[in-house]
Structure formats: structure tokens, C-alpha cells
Amino acid sequence: MVFLGPPGAGKGTQALRISEKFGFPQISTGDMLRDAVVRKTALGLKAAPIMAAGELVPDQIVTGLIEDRVTRADCDRGFILDGYPRTIQQAGALSALLHNLGCPLNRVVEFRVDEEAVVRRFSLRLTCRNCKAVYNKVFNPPRRADVCDKCGGELYLRDDDREDVVRHRLSVYRSQTAPLVRYYEEAGLLSVIDADQPIERVASELEALVLQNGKA
């Protein structure tokens, strides 16, 4: 399955829930890239300024990450792609990769959400520097201010969660990623979920889609 939607639509949260319930790996290009940035790998050093500006990392780099990840043994039963593809070109590369692996794409889920709601979500979001757990100052606050409940790490506002960067990321999504909606709709693979609903309602709809595709 592929999860599409603007930054802050809840794709990562829902992908993790589905992963935990059904045992499919959640493959997040954003997480992989941020990890490379933190570890200051060659890839991370190239990606850091691009990500901080809210731009998309070049296709060649991201596609290489995906190819390496989906060929691991834990993906044999299936997997969820969160944050990839982001362009028509990446969608073509993914199609070719899955064809070569004999692993067809079952479903693409678009998370639709109001953009102003997205901006508000990011302004309230805090991330743990240590374990990467995510909190919301209003809906899911930590027990102690700026301290992670899980590991005691420092909570902070990521550079790419600042309002100016978020609005730019949304603009990039509209221009480069949104065309994927029509691409997958024409392929008969698209399902749409209202991501402004409560988390449990969104999770219930996603679980139904997984079961429909016979992957549980």
C-alpha cells in the first residue's frame, strides 16, 4: 500500500498503527532521510539543506533507499510506503521496481485534510530528539513539558515544522505530489479517506481497506 497526502495529514501515525496490527513494515522515506541527517552520512549531508528548506530530495537518492529497503526479508508479505512516491517520476520507478520483484501495488490511500488544519497541527507538534516520538501540545501532550514520556529525551520543534517551511512544503505537495492522485485514480488503485476525522475513525477505515485487499 502507498499512503499519499500532504505533510501533517497523519500518514505516519496511521501507517504505524497498521504495521503494528497486521505486521507489515512501515517504510517512511522521511524517517530514513532524517536518520541519515542525524548520523551525518554522505546522503544525510546532501539531504539536510534540501529538507530544511522544505524541498523534495532528488528522485535518484530516494528511490535507491526504497529499493534497498523493500528487498529485505521482512517485506515478503507486504509493506506500507509512507512518503513515497512523491512525484510521477518516482511512481514510474516504483512501478518498475515492484514489477521486477513480482510484487504488485494493491492500494493507494489518499489522506485528504484542510491545509490550514495542517499548519495548526505542525505548530503544535513536538518531536523527541532521542527516540523520535511525536507529541501534540493540545491533543497528545507529554506529561512533563518538553520531556518525552517514553525515554526522557528533549522535545523540540523540528526546523521543517516551522510555519513558513510548512506552507512551502504544502505548496511543493500541490505542485509535485498532488498529480499522483489522478495518476493512481486512473489506474484504479485510489481510495480516499477524510483525514480530518478522529484518529480511531481513520484507523478503522484503513483496516477495512487492508482486509479488502486480502493482506491480513
N, C-alpha and C. Protein backbone atom coordinates (compact mmCIF):
# COMPACT_ATOMS: atom_id res chain seq x y z
N MET A 1 0.84 -1.19 0.00
CA MET A 1 0.00 0.00 0.00
C MET A 1 0.88 1.25 0.00
N VAL A 2 0.39 2.28 -0.66
CA VAL A 2 1.03 3.58 -0.66
C VAL A 2 0.10 4.56 0.04
N PHE A 3 0.65 5.37 0.94
CA PHE A 3 -0.13 6.42 1.60
C PHE A 3 0.28 7.76 1.01
N LEU A 4 -0.70 8.48 0.44
CA LEU A 4 -0.49 9.80 -0.13
C LEU A 4 -1.20 10.85 0.73
N GLY A 5 -0.68 12.06 0.71
CA GLY A 5 -1.32 13.14 1.44
C GLY A 5 -0.31 14.20 1.80
N PRO A 6 -0.77 15.41 2.10
CA PRO A 6 0.16 16.48 2.44
C PRO A 6 0.85 16.22 3.76
N PRO A 7 1.95 16.94 4.02
CA PRO A 7 2.61 16.82 5.32
C PRO A 7 1.59 17.10 6.42
N GLY A 8 1.63 16.32 7.49
CA GLY A 8 0.74 16.55 8.62
C GLY A 8 -0.63 15.93 8.50
N ALA A 9 -0.86 15.13 7.45
CA ALA A 9 -2.18 14.52 7.26
C ALA A 9 -2.39 13.30 8.15
N GLY A 10 -1.34 12.84 8.80
CA GLY A 10 -1.47 11.68 9.69
C GLY A 10 -1.05 10.37 9.07
N LYS A 11 -0.36 10.43 7.93
CA LYS A 11 0.05 9.20 7.23
C LYS A 11 0.96 8.33 8.11
N GLY A 12 1.94 8.97 8.74
CA GLY A 12 2.88 8.21 9.55
C GLY A 12 2.23 7.55 10.75
N THR A 13 1.36 8.28 11.42
CA THR A 13 0.65 7.74 12.58
C THR A 13 -0.17 6.52 12.19
N GLN A 14 -0.91 6.63 11.09
CA GLN A 14 -1.77 5.53 10.67
C GLN A 14 -0.96 4.36 10.10
N ALA A 15 0.12 4.66 9.41
CA ALA A 15 0.96 3.58 8.88
C ALA A 15 1.54 2.75 10.02
N LEU A 16 1.94 3.43 11.10
CA LEU A 16 2.49 2.72 12.26
C LEU A 16 1.43 1.82 12.90
N ARG A 17 0.20 2.32 12.99
CA ARG A 17 -0.88 1.52 13.59
C ARG A 17 -1.15 0.26 12.75
N ILE A 18 -1.22 0.45 11.43
CA ILE A 18 -1.46 -0.70 10.55
C ILE A 18 -0.30 -1.69 10.65
N SER A 19 0.92 -1.15 10.72
CA SER A 19 2.10 -2.00 10.83
C SER A 19 2.04 -2.86 12.09
N GLU A 20 1.68 -2.23 13.20
CA GLU A 20 1.63 -2.95 14.47
C GLU A 20 0.50 -3.98 14.49
N LYS A 21 -0.63 -3.67 13.85
CA LYS A 21 -1.78 -4.57 13.88
C LYS A 21 -1.62 -5.76 12.96
N PHE A 22 -1.07 -5.53 11.75
CA PHE A 22 -1.02 -6.58 10.75
C PHE A 22 0.39 -7.12 10.49
N GLY A 23 1.41 -6.46 11.04
CA GLY A 23 2.76 -6.97 10.89
C GLY A 23 3.46 -6.58 9.61
N PHE A 24 2.95 -5.58 8.88
CA PHE A 24 3.62 -5.12 7.67
C PHE A 24 4.58 -3.99 8.02
N PRO A 25 5.80 -3.99 7.51
CA PRO A 25 6.74 -2.89 7.79
C PRO A 25 6.22 -1.56 7.28
N GLN A 26 6.41 -0.53 8.08
CA GLN A 26 6.13 0.84 7.65
C GLN A 26 7.43 1.41 7.10
N ILE A 27 7.43 1.77 5.82
CA ILE A 27 8.64 2.29 5.19
C ILE A 27 8.45 3.78 4.97
N SER A 28 9.12 4.57 5.78
CA SER A 28 8.99 6.02 5.72
C SER A 28 10.27 6.63 5.18
N THR A 29 10.19 7.21 4.00
CA THR A 29 11.38 7.85 3.44
C THR A 29 11.82 9.03 4.30
N GLY A 30 10.84 9.72 4.89
CA GLY A 30 11.19 10.84 5.76
C GLY A 30 12.02 10.40 6.94
N ASP A 31 11.60 9.29 7.58
CA ASP A 31 12.36 8.77 8.73
C ASP A 31 13.76 8.34 8.31
N MET A 32 13.85 7.66 7.16
CA MET A 32 15.16 7.19 6.70
C MET A 32 16.08 8.36 6.39
N LEU A 33 15.53 9.41 5.78
CA LEU A 33 16.34 10.57 5.44
C LEU A 33 16.76 11.34 6.69
N ARG A 34 15.82 11.49 7.64
CA ARG A 34 16.16 12.21 8.88
C ARG A 34 17.23 11.45 9.66
N ASP A 35 17.15 10.12 9.65
CA ASP A 35 18.17 9.32 10.32
C ASP A 35 19.53 9.55 9.68
N ALA A 36 19.56 9.62 8.35
CA ALA A 36 20.82 9.86 7.64
C ALA A 36 21.38 11.25 7.98
N VAL A 37 20.48 12.23 8.15
CA VAL A 37 20.91 13.58 8.52
C VAL A 37 21.53 13.58 9.91
N VAL A 38 20.86 12.92 10.87
CA VAL A 38 21.36 12.87 12.25
C VAL A 38 22.72 12.18 12.31
N ARG A 39 22.86 11.09 11.53
CA ARG A 39 24.12 10.33 11.56
C ARG A 39 25.20 10.97 10.69
N LYS A 40 24.81 12.02 9.96
CA LYS A 40 25.74 12.77 9.11
C LYS A 40 26.43 11.87 8.09
N THR A 41 25.63 10.98 7.49
CA THR A 41 26.15 10.16 6.41
C THR A 41 26.32 11.04 5.17
N ALA A 42 26.97 10.49 4.14
CA ALA A 42 27.14 11.25 2.90
C ALA A 42 25.78 11.66 2.35
N LEU A 43 24.82 10.73 2.40
CA LEU A 43 23.46 11.05 1.95
C LEU A 43 22.84 12.12 2.82
N GLY A 44 23.01 11.97 4.14
CA GLY A 44 22.43 12.94 5.06
C GLY A 44 22.96 14.34 4.86
N LEU A 45 24.26 14.47 4.59
CA LEU A 45 24.85 15.78 4.37
C LEU A 45 24.29 16.44 3.11
N LYS A 46 23.98 15.62 2.10
CA LYS A 46 23.38 16.16 0.87
C LYS A 46 21.92 16.55 1.09
N ALA A 47 21.23 15.72 1.88
CA ALA A 47 19.78 15.91 2.04
C ALA A 47 19.43 17.00 3.04
N ALA A 48 20.27 17.25 4.03
CA ALA A 48 19.94 18.16 5.13
C ALA A 48 19.48 19.54 4.69
N PRO A 49 20.26 20.26 3.85
CA PRO A 49 19.82 21.61 3.46
C PRO A 49 18.56 21.58 2.59
N ILE A 50 18.38 20.53 1.81
CA ILE A 50 17.20 20.41 0.97
C ILE A 50 15.95 20.23 1.83
N MET A 51 16.05 19.33 2.83
CA MET A 51 14.92 19.08 3.71
C MET A 51 14.59 20.29 4.58
N ALA A 52 15.62 20.98 5.06
CA ALA A 52 15.41 22.14 5.92
C ALA A 52 14.67 23.26 5.18
N ALA A 53 14.84 23.30 3.86
CA ALA A 53 14.17 24.32 3.04
C ALA A 53 12.77 23.87 2.61
N GLY A 54 12.41 22.61 2.96
CA GLY A 54 11.09 22.12 2.59
C GLY A 54 10.99 21.60 1.17
N GLU A 55 12.13 21.40 0.50
CA GLU A 55 12.14 20.89 -0.86
C GLU A 55 12.15 19.37 -0.87
N LEU A 56 11.89 18.77 -2.04
CA LEU A 56 11.94 17.33 -2.17
C LEU A 56 13.36 16.87 -2.48
N VAL A 57 13.80 15.81 -1.81
CA VAL A 57 15.11 15.22 -2.06
C VAL A 57 15.08 14.58 -3.45
N PRO A 58 16.17 14.68 -4.24
CA PRO A 58 16.19 14.15 -5.60
C PRO A 58 15.74 12.70 -5.70
N ASP A 59 15.04 12.38 -6.79
CA ASP A 59 14.47 11.05 -7.00
C ASP A 59 15.49 9.93 -6.89
N GLN A 60 16.66 10.12 -7.46
CA GLN A 60 17.65 9.05 -7.50
C GLN A 60 18.03 8.60 -6.09
N ILE A 61 18.18 9.56 -5.18
CA ILE A 61 18.57 9.24 -3.81
C ILE A 61 17.45 8.47 -3.11
N VAL A 62 16.22 8.98 -3.22
CA VAL A 62 15.09 8.37 -2.50
C VAL A 62 14.77 7.00 -3.07
N THR A 63 14.76 6.86 -4.37
CA THR A 63 14.44 5.57 -4.99
C THR A 63 15.47 4.51 -4.60
N GLY A 64 16.73 4.90 -4.48
CA GLY A 64 17.75 3.96 -4.04
C GLY A 64 17.49 3.47 -2.63
N LEU A 65 17.06 4.38 -1.75
CA LEU A 65 16.71 3.99 -0.39
C LEU A 65 15.56 2.98 -0.38
N ILE A 66 14.54 3.26 -1.18
CA ILE A 66 13.36 2.39 -1.23
C ILE A 66 13.74 1.00 -1.75
N GLU A 67 14.50 0.96 -2.82
CA GLU A 67 14.87 -0.33 -3.41
C GLU A 67 15.63 -1.19 -2.41
N ASP A 68 16.54 -0.58 -1.68
CA ASP A 68 17.29 -1.32 -0.67
C ASP A 68 16.37 -1.86 0.42
N ARG A 69 15.38 -1.06 0.82
CA ARG A 69 14.52 -1.44 1.95
C ARG A 69 13.51 -2.52 1.59
N VAL A 70 12.84 -2.40 0.44
CA VAL A 70 11.75 -3.34 0.13
C VAL A 70 12.25 -4.72 -0.28
N THR A 71 13.54 -4.87 -0.52
CA THR A 71 14.07 -6.18 -0.87
C THR A 71 14.52 -6.97 0.36
N ARG A 72 14.30 -6.43 1.55
CA ARG A 72 14.63 -7.15 2.77
C ARG A 72 13.54 -8.17 3.09
N ALA A 73 13.91 -9.19 3.86
CA ALA A 73 13.03 -10.33 4.10
C ALA A 73 11.72 -9.95 4.78
N ASP A 74 11.74 -8.92 5.65
CA ASP A 74 10.52 -8.59 6.38
C ASP A 74 9.44 -7.97 5.50
N CYS A 75 9.77 -7.68 4.23
CA CYS A 75 8.78 -7.12 3.30
C CYS A 75 8.13 -8.18 2.42
N ASP A 76 8.47 -9.45 2.65
CA ASP A 76 7.97 -10.51 1.76
C ASP A 76 6.45 -10.61 1.76
N ARG A 77 5.80 -10.35 2.91
CA ARG A 77 4.34 -10.45 2.99
C ARG A 77 3.65 -9.17 2.55
N GLY A 78 4.39 -8.10 2.45
CA GLY A 78 3.80 -6.82 2.10
C GLY A 78 4.43 -5.70 2.90
N PHE A 79 4.11 -4.45 2.55
CA PHE A 79 4.68 -3.30 3.24
C PHE A 79 3.85 -2.06 2.92
N ILE A 80 4.04 -1.03 3.74
CA ILE A 80 3.36 0.24 3.56
C ILE A 80 4.40 1.30 3.24
N LEU A 81 4.20 2.01 2.13
CA LEU A 81 5.10 3.10 1.75
C LEU A 81 4.48 4.42 2.22
N ASP A 82 5.17 5.09 3.11
CA ASP A 82 4.71 6.34 3.70
C ASP A 82 5.65 7.46 3.25
N GLY A 83 5.18 8.30 2.34
CA GLY A 83 6.01 9.41 1.86
C GLY A 83 6.70 9.12 0.54
N TYR A 84 6.35 8.03 -0.09
CA TYR A 84 6.92 7.67 -1.40
C TYR A 84 5.90 6.85 -2.16
N PRO A 85 5.68 7.13 -3.44
CA PRO A 85 6.33 8.15 -4.27
C PRO A 85 5.77 9.55 -4.01
N ARG A 86 6.55 10.54 -4.41
CA ARG A 86 6.11 11.93 -4.27
C ARG A 86 6.00 12.65 -5.60
N THR A 87 6.44 12.01 -6.66
CA THR A 87 6.34 12.60 -8.00
C THR A 87 5.92 11.51 -8.98
N ILE A 88 5.47 11.94 -10.16
CA ILE A 88 5.11 10.98 -11.20
C ILE A 88 6.32 10.14 -11.59
N GLN A 89 7.49 10.78 -11.61
CA GLN A 89 8.71 10.06 -11.96
C GLN A 89 9.00 8.96 -10.94
N GLN A 90 8.83 9.27 -9.66
CA GLN A 90 9.04 8.27 -8.63
C GLN A 90 8.01 7.15 -8.74
N ALA A 91 6.79 7.50 -9.10
CA ALA A 91 5.75 6.47 -9.27
C ALA A 91 6.13 5.51 -10.38
N GLY A 92 6.70 6.03 -11.45
CA GLY A 92 7.16 5.16 -12.53
C GLY A 92 8.28 4.25 -12.09
N ALA A 93 9.22 4.81 -11.30
CA ALA A 93 10.33 4.00 -10.79
C ALA A 93 9.81 2.92 -9.84
N LEU A 94 8.83 3.27 -9.03
CA LEU A 94 8.25 2.28 -8.11
C LEU A 94 7.54 1.17 -8.87
N SER A 95 6.80 1.54 -9.90
CA SER A 95 6.10 0.54 -10.71
C SER A 95 7.07 -0.45 -11.32
N ALA A 96 8.18 0.06 -11.85
CA ALA A 96 9.19 -0.81 -12.45
C ALA A 96 9.83 -1.71 -11.40
N LEU A 97 10.10 -1.15 -10.21
CA LEU A 97 10.72 -1.93 -9.13
C LEU A 97 9.79 -3.06 -8.68
N LEU A 98 8.53 -2.74 -8.45
CA LEU A 98 7.57 -3.75 -7.99
C LEU A 98 7.33 -4.82 -9.05
N HIS A 99 7.35 -4.40 -10.31
CA HIS A 99 7.20 -5.37 -11.41
C HIS A 99 8.36 -6.37 -11.38
N ASN A 100 9.56 -5.86 -11.20
CA ASN A 100 10.74 -6.73 -11.17
C ASN A 100 10.72 -7.68 -9.97
N LEU A 101 10.10 -7.23 -8.88
CA LEU A 101 10.03 -8.04 -7.67
C LEU A 101 8.83 -9.00 -7.69
N GLY A 102 7.95 -8.84 -8.68
CA GLY A 102 6.74 -9.65 -8.73
C GLY A 102 5.80 -9.33 -7.57
N CYS A 103 5.77 -8.06 -7.18
CA CYS A 103 5.00 -7.62 -6.01
C CYS A 103 4.12 -6.44 -6.42
N PRO A 104 2.90 -6.70 -6.92
CA PRO A 104 2.05 -5.62 -7.41
C PRO A 104 1.56 -4.69 -6.30
N LEU A 105 1.33 -3.45 -6.66
CA LEU A 105 0.76 -2.47 -5.73
C LEU A 105 -0.73 -2.75 -5.58
N ASN A 106 -1.19 -2.95 -4.34
CA ASN A 106 -2.59 -3.30 -4.10
C ASN A 106 -3.50 -2.09 -3.96
N ARG A 107 -3.05 -1.05 -3.27
CA ARG A 107 -3.94 0.06 -2.96
C ARG A 107 -3.14 1.31 -2.67
N VAL A 108 -3.67 2.46 -3.11
CA VAL A 108 -3.10 3.77 -2.78
C VAL A 108 -4.16 4.53 -2.01
N VAL A 109 -3.80 5.02 -0.83
CA VAL A 109 -4.76 5.73 0.02
C VAL A 109 -4.37 7.20 0.08
N GLU A 110 -5.32 8.05 -0.31
CA GLU A 110 -5.10 9.50 -0.21
C GLU A 110 -5.72 10.01 1.08
N PHE A 111 -4.91 10.66 1.90
CA PHE A 111 -5.38 11.29 3.14
C PHE A 111 -5.70 12.75 2.82
N ARG A 112 -6.99 13.08 2.79
CA ARG A 112 -7.38 14.45 2.48
C ARG A 112 -7.60 15.24 3.77
N VAL A 113 -7.02 16.44 3.81
CA VAL A 113 -7.09 17.26 5.01
C VAL A 113 -7.00 18.73 4.62
N ASP A 114 -7.65 19.59 5.39
CA ASP A 114 -7.61 21.03 5.15
C ASP A 114 -6.21 21.56 5.43
N GLU A 115 -5.69 22.39 4.53
CA GLU A 115 -4.31 22.85 4.65
C GLU A 115 -4.09 23.72 5.89
N GLU A 116 -5.06 24.55 6.25
CA GLU A 116 -4.89 25.37 7.45
C GLU A 116 -4.84 24.50 8.70
N ALA A 117 -5.58 23.40 8.66
CA ALA A 117 -5.52 22.45 9.78
C ALA A 117 -4.13 21.84 9.87
N VAL A 118 -3.50 21.60 8.73
CA VAL A 118 -2.15 21.06 8.70
C VAL A 118 -1.17 22.04 9.35
N VAL A 119 -1.27 23.31 9.00
CA VAL A 119 -0.38 24.32 9.57
C VAL A 119 -0.53 24.35 11.09
N ARG A 120 -1.78 24.29 11.57
CA ARG A 120 -2.02 24.29 13.02
C ARG A 120 -1.42 23.05 13.67
N ARG A 121 -1.56 21.90 13.02
CA ARG A 121 -1.01 20.66 13.58
C ARG A 121 0.50 20.77 13.78
N PHE A 122 1.19 21.28 12.76
CA PHE A 122 2.64 21.37 12.86
C PHE A 122 3.09 22.36 13.93
N SER A 123 2.36 23.45 14.07
CA SER A 123 2.75 24.46 15.06
C SER A 123 2.65 23.93 16.49
N LEU A 124 1.86 22.85 16.66
CA LEU A 124 1.66 22.26 17.98
C LEU A 124 2.47 20.97 18.17
N ARG A 125 3.23 20.57 17.16
CA ARG A 125 3.90 19.28 17.20
C ARG A 125 5.28 19.38 17.84
N LEU A 126 5.62 18.40 18.66
CA LEU A 126 6.93 18.30 19.29
C LEU A 126 7.49 16.91 19.02
N THR A 127 8.78 16.83 18.76
CA THR A 127 9.44 15.56 18.45
C THR A 127 10.58 15.31 19.42
N CYS A 128 10.72 14.06 19.84
CA CYS A 128 11.81 13.71 20.75
C CYS A 128 13.12 13.60 19.99
N ARG A 129 14.15 14.26 20.48
CA ARG A 129 15.45 14.20 19.81
C ARG A 129 16.05 12.80 19.88
N ASN A 130 15.67 12.04 20.88
CA ASN A 130 16.28 10.74 21.11
C ASN A 130 15.54 9.60 20.39
N CYS A 131 14.27 9.36 20.74
CA CYS A 131 13.55 8.20 20.19
C CYS A 131 12.61 8.57 19.05
N LYS A 132 12.50 9.87 18.72
CA LYS A 132 11.70 10.38 17.60
C LYS A 132 10.18 10.29 17.84
N ALA A 133 9.76 10.01 19.07
CA ALA A 133 8.33 10.01 19.38
C ALA A 133 7.75 11.40 19.12
N VAL A 134 6.48 11.44 18.69
CA VAL A 134 5.85 12.70 18.32
C VAL A 134 4.69 13.00 19.27
N TYR A 135 4.60 14.25 19.71
CA TYR A 135 3.54 14.71 20.61
C TYR A 135 2.83 15.91 20.00
N ASN A 136 1.65 16.21 20.52
CA ASN A 136 0.90 17.41 20.15
C ASN A 136 0.60 18.16 21.44
N LYS A 137 0.90 19.45 21.46
CA LYS A 137 0.75 20.23 22.68
C LYS A 137 -0.68 20.24 23.23
N VAL A 138 -1.66 20.05 22.34
CA VAL A 138 -3.06 20.09 22.75
C VAL A 138 -3.66 18.69 22.86
N PHE A 139 -3.53 17.88 21.79
CA PHE A 139 -4.23 16.61 21.72
C PHE A 139 -3.47 15.43 22.33
N ASN A 140 -2.14 15.54 22.36
CA ASN A 140 -1.33 14.45 22.92
C ASN A 140 -0.10 15.02 23.61
N PRO A 141 -0.32 15.83 24.67
CA PRO A 141 0.82 16.49 25.31
C PRO A 141 1.64 15.53 26.16
N PRO A 142 2.93 15.81 26.32
CA PRO A 142 3.75 15.00 27.23
C PRO A 142 3.34 15.28 28.67
N ARG A 143 3.64 14.35 29.56
CA ARG A 143 3.29 14.55 30.97
C ARG A 143 4.08 15.70 31.58
N ARG A 144 5.35 15.84 31.14
CA ARG A 144 6.18 16.96 31.58
C ARG A 144 6.55 17.80 30.37
N ALA A 145 6.49 19.10 30.51
CA ALA A 145 6.76 20.00 29.39
C ALA A 145 8.14 19.74 28.79
N ASP A 146 8.16 19.54 27.49
CA ASP A 146 9.40 19.40 26.72
C ASP A 146 10.22 18.16 27.08
N VAL A 147 9.60 17.16 27.72
CA VAL A 147 10.29 15.92 28.08
C VAL A 147 9.50 14.74 27.55
N CYS A 148 10.16 13.83 26.84
CA CYS A 148 9.50 12.67 26.25
C CYS A 148 9.04 11.69 27.33
N ASP A 149 7.78 11.26 27.26
CA ASP A 149 7.24 10.28 28.20
C ASP A 149 7.95 8.94 28.09
N LYS A 150 8.39 8.58 26.88
CA LYS A 150 8.92 7.25 26.63
C LYS A 150 10.37 7.08 27.07
N CYS A 151 11.19 8.09 26.78
CA CYS A 151 12.63 7.91 27.06
C CYS A 151 13.26 9.05 27.86
N GLY A 152 12.50 10.10 28.13
CA GLY A 152 13.04 11.23 28.87
C GLY A 152 13.85 12.19 28.04
N GLY A 153 13.84 11.99 26.72
CA GLY A 153 14.59 12.87 25.83
C GLY A 153 13.98 14.26 25.70
N GLU A 154 14.75 15.18 25.13
CA GLU A 154 14.28 16.55 24.93
C GLU A 154 13.30 16.61 23.75
N LEU A 155 12.19 17.33 23.93
CA LEU A 155 11.23 17.55 22.86
C LEU A 155 11.50 18.90 22.21
N TYR A 156 11.39 18.96 20.90
CA TYR A 156 11.69 20.20 20.19
C TYR A 156 10.81 20.34 18.96
N LEU A 157 10.75 21.55 18.42
CA LEU A 157 10.05 21.82 17.16
C LEU A 157 11.04 21.68 16.02
N ARG A 158 10.83 20.70 15.15
CA ARG A 158 11.74 20.47 14.04
C ARG A 158 11.78 21.69 13.11
N ASP A 159 12.93 21.92 12.47
CA ASP A 159 13.05 23.04 11.54
C ASP A 159 12.00 22.97 10.44
N ASP A 160 11.71 21.75 9.94
CA ASP A 160 10.75 21.65 8.85
C ASP A 160 9.30 21.67 9.33
N ASP A 161 9.08 21.93 10.65
CA ASP A 161 7.74 22.09 11.19
C ASP A 161 7.40 23.57 11.42
N ARG A 162 8.34 24.47 11.14
CA ARG A 162 8.05 25.89 11.26
C ARG A 162 7.00 26.30 10.23
N GLU A 163 6.17 27.31 10.57
CA GLU A 163 5.05 27.67 9.71
C GLU A 163 5.48 28.03 8.30
N ASP A 164 6.54 28.82 8.14
CA ASP A 164 6.95 29.22 6.81
C ASP A 164 7.39 28.03 5.98
N VAL A 165 8.10 27.09 6.62
CA VAL A 165 8.55 25.90 5.90
C VAL A 165 7.37 24.99 5.59
N VAL A 166 6.43 24.85 6.54
CA VAL A 166 5.25 24.02 6.31
C VAL A 166 4.44 24.53 5.13
N ARG A 167 4.24 25.83 5.07
CA ARG A 167 3.46 26.38 3.95
C ARG A 167 4.18 26.13 2.62
N HIS A 168 5.49 26.21 2.65
CA HIS A 168 6.24 25.92 1.42
C HIS A 168 6.11 24.44 1.06
N ARG A 169 6.19 23.56 2.07
CA ARG A 169 6.05 22.12 1.81
C ARG A 169 4.67 21.80 1.22
N LEU A 170 3.65 22.49 1.70
CA LEU A 170 2.31 22.29 1.16
C LEU A 170 2.24 22.73 -0.30
N SER A 171 2.92 23.84 -0.62
CA SER A 171 2.96 24.30 -1.99
C SER A 171 3.67 23.30 -2.89
N VAL A 172 4.78 22.74 -2.38
CA VAL A 172 5.51 21.71 -3.13
C VAL A 172 4.63 20.49 -3.34
N TYR A 173 3.88 20.11 -2.30
CA TYR A 173 2.98 18.96 -2.41
C TYR A 173 1.95 19.18 -3.51
N ARG A 174 1.34 20.35 -3.50
CA ARG A 174 0.30 20.64 -4.50
C ARG A 174 0.86 20.54 -5.91
N SER A 175 2.06 21.07 -6.12
CA SER A 175 2.59 21.14 -7.47
C SER A 175 3.21 19.83 -7.96
N GLN A 176 3.83 19.08 -7.04
CA GLN A 176 4.59 17.90 -7.48
C GLN A 176 3.95 16.57 -7.09
N THR A 177 3.31 16.52 -5.93
CA THR A 177 2.78 15.24 -5.45
C THR A 177 1.30 15.07 -5.75
N ALA A 178 0.52 16.12 -5.67
CA ALA A 178 -0.92 16.01 -5.91
C ALA A 178 -1.27 15.37 -7.25
N PRO A 179 -0.49 15.59 -8.33
CA PRO A 179 -0.82 14.90 -9.60
C PRO A 179 -0.84 13.38 -9.49
N LEU A 180 -0.19 12.84 -8.45
CA LEU A 180 -0.22 11.39 -8.25
C LEU A 180 -1.63 10.89 -7.95
N VAL A 181 -2.46 11.76 -7.39
CA VAL A 181 -3.84 11.36 -7.09
C VAL A 181 -4.54 10.95 -8.37
N ARG A 182 -4.45 11.80 -9.39
CA ARG A 182 -5.08 11.45 -10.67
C ARG A 182 -4.41 10.25 -11.31
N TYR A 183 -3.10 10.17 -11.19
CA TYR A 183 -2.32 9.06 -11.76
C TYR A 183 -2.84 7.72 -11.23
N TYR A 184 -2.98 7.63 -9.91
CA TYR A 184 -3.43 6.37 -9.31
C TYR A 184 -4.93 6.17 -9.42
N GLU A 185 -5.67 7.27 -9.51
CA GLU A 185 -7.11 7.15 -9.73
C GLU A 185 -7.39 6.52 -11.10
N GLU A 186 -6.66 6.97 -12.10
CA GLU A 186 -6.81 6.43 -13.45
C GLU A 186 -6.36 4.97 -13.52
N ALA A 187 -5.46 4.58 -12.62
CA ALA A 187 -5.00 3.19 -12.58
C ALA A 187 -5.96 2.30 -11.79
N GLY A 188 -7.01 2.89 -11.20
CA GLY A 188 -7.99 2.13 -10.44
C GLY A 188 -7.49 1.67 -9.08
N LEU A 189 -6.49 2.36 -8.53
CA LEU A 189 -5.89 1.93 -7.27
C LEU A 189 -6.20 2.85 -6.10
N LEU A 190 -6.87 3.98 -6.37
CA LEU A 190 -7.01 5.02 -5.35
C LEU A 190 -8.23 4.84 -4.46
N SER A 191 -8.01 5.00 -3.15
CA SER A 191 -9.08 5.13 -2.16
C SER A 191 -8.83 6.43 -1.40
N VAL A 192 -9.90 7.12 -1.03
CA VAL A 192 -9.77 8.41 -0.35
C VAL A 192 -10.33 8.31 1.07
N ILE A 193 -9.57 8.87 2.02
CA ILE A 193 -10.00 8.90 3.41
C ILE A 193 -9.97 10.35 3.90
N ASP A 194 -11.02 10.75 4.61
CA ASP A 194 -11.08 12.08 5.23
C ASP A 194 -10.18 12.07 6.46
N ALA A 195 -9.01 12.69 6.36
CA ALA A 195 -8.03 12.66 7.45
C ALA A 195 -8.33 13.69 8.54
N ASP A 196 -9.41 14.47 8.36
CA ASP A 196 -9.83 15.40 9.41
C ASP A 196 -10.69 14.71 10.46
N GLN A 197 -10.99 13.43 10.25
CA GLN A 197 -11.78 12.66 11.21
C GLN A 197 -10.92 12.29 12.42
N PRO A 198 -11.55 11.84 13.51
CA PRO A 198 -10.77 11.34 14.66
C PRO A 198 -9.85 10.20 14.24
N ILE A 199 -8.74 10.07 14.94
CA ILE A 199 -7.72 9.06 14.61
C ILE A 199 -8.32 7.66 14.54
N GLU A 200 -9.19 7.32 15.49
CA GLU A 200 -9.76 5.97 15.53
C GLU A 200 -10.63 5.69 14.31
N ARG A 201 -11.36 6.70 13.85
CA ARG A 201 -12.22 6.52 12.68
C ARG A 201 -11.37 6.30 11.43
N VAL A 202 -10.30 7.07 11.29
CA VAL A 202 -9.40 6.89 10.15
C VAL A 202 -8.78 5.50 10.20
N ALA A 203 -8.35 5.07 11.39
CA ALA A 203 -7.74 3.75 11.53
C ALA A 203 -8.71 2.65 11.14
N SER A 204 -9.97 2.79 11.53
CA SER A 204 -10.99 1.79 11.20
C SER A 204 -11.18 1.66 9.69
N GLU A 205 -11.22 2.79 9.00
CA GLU A 205 -11.39 2.77 7.54
C GLU A 205 -10.18 2.13 6.87
N LEU A 206 -8.99 2.42 7.37
CA LEU A 206 -7.77 1.84 6.80
C LEU A 206 -7.73 0.32 6.99
N GLU A 207 -8.11 -0.13 8.18
CA GLU A 207 -8.12 -1.56 8.46
C GLU A 207 -9.07 -2.28 7.50
N ALA A 208 -10.20 -1.64 7.21
CA ALA A 208 -11.15 -2.24 6.27
C ALA A 208 -10.53 -2.38 4.88
N LEU A 209 -9.74 -1.40 4.46
CA LEU A 209 -9.09 -1.46 3.16
C LEU A 209 -8.04 -2.58 3.11
N VAL A 210 -7.29 -2.74 4.21
CA VAL A 210 -6.31 -3.82 4.27
C VAL A 210 -7.00 -5.16 4.13
N LEU A 211 -8.09 -5.33 4.85
CA LEU A 211 -8.82 -6.60 4.79
C LEU A 211 -9.43 -6.85 3.41
N GLN A 212 -9.90 -5.78 2.77
CA GLN A 212 -10.45 -5.92 1.41
C GLN A 212 -9.41 -6.46 0.44
N ASN A 213 -8.17 -6.04 0.65
CA ASN A 213 -7.11 -6.45 -0.26
C ASN A 213 -6.53 -7.81 0.09
N GLY A 214 -7.12 -8.47 1.09
CA GLY A 214 -6.72 -9.83 1.43
C GLY A 214 -5.32 -9.94 1.95
N LYS A 215 -4.85 -8.87 2.62
CA LYS A 215 -3.46 -8.88 3.08
C LYS A 215 -3.34 -9.14 4.56
N ALA A 216 -4.46 -9.31 5.26
CA ALA A 216 -4.38 -9.51 6.71
C ALA A 216 -4.05 -10.96 7.00
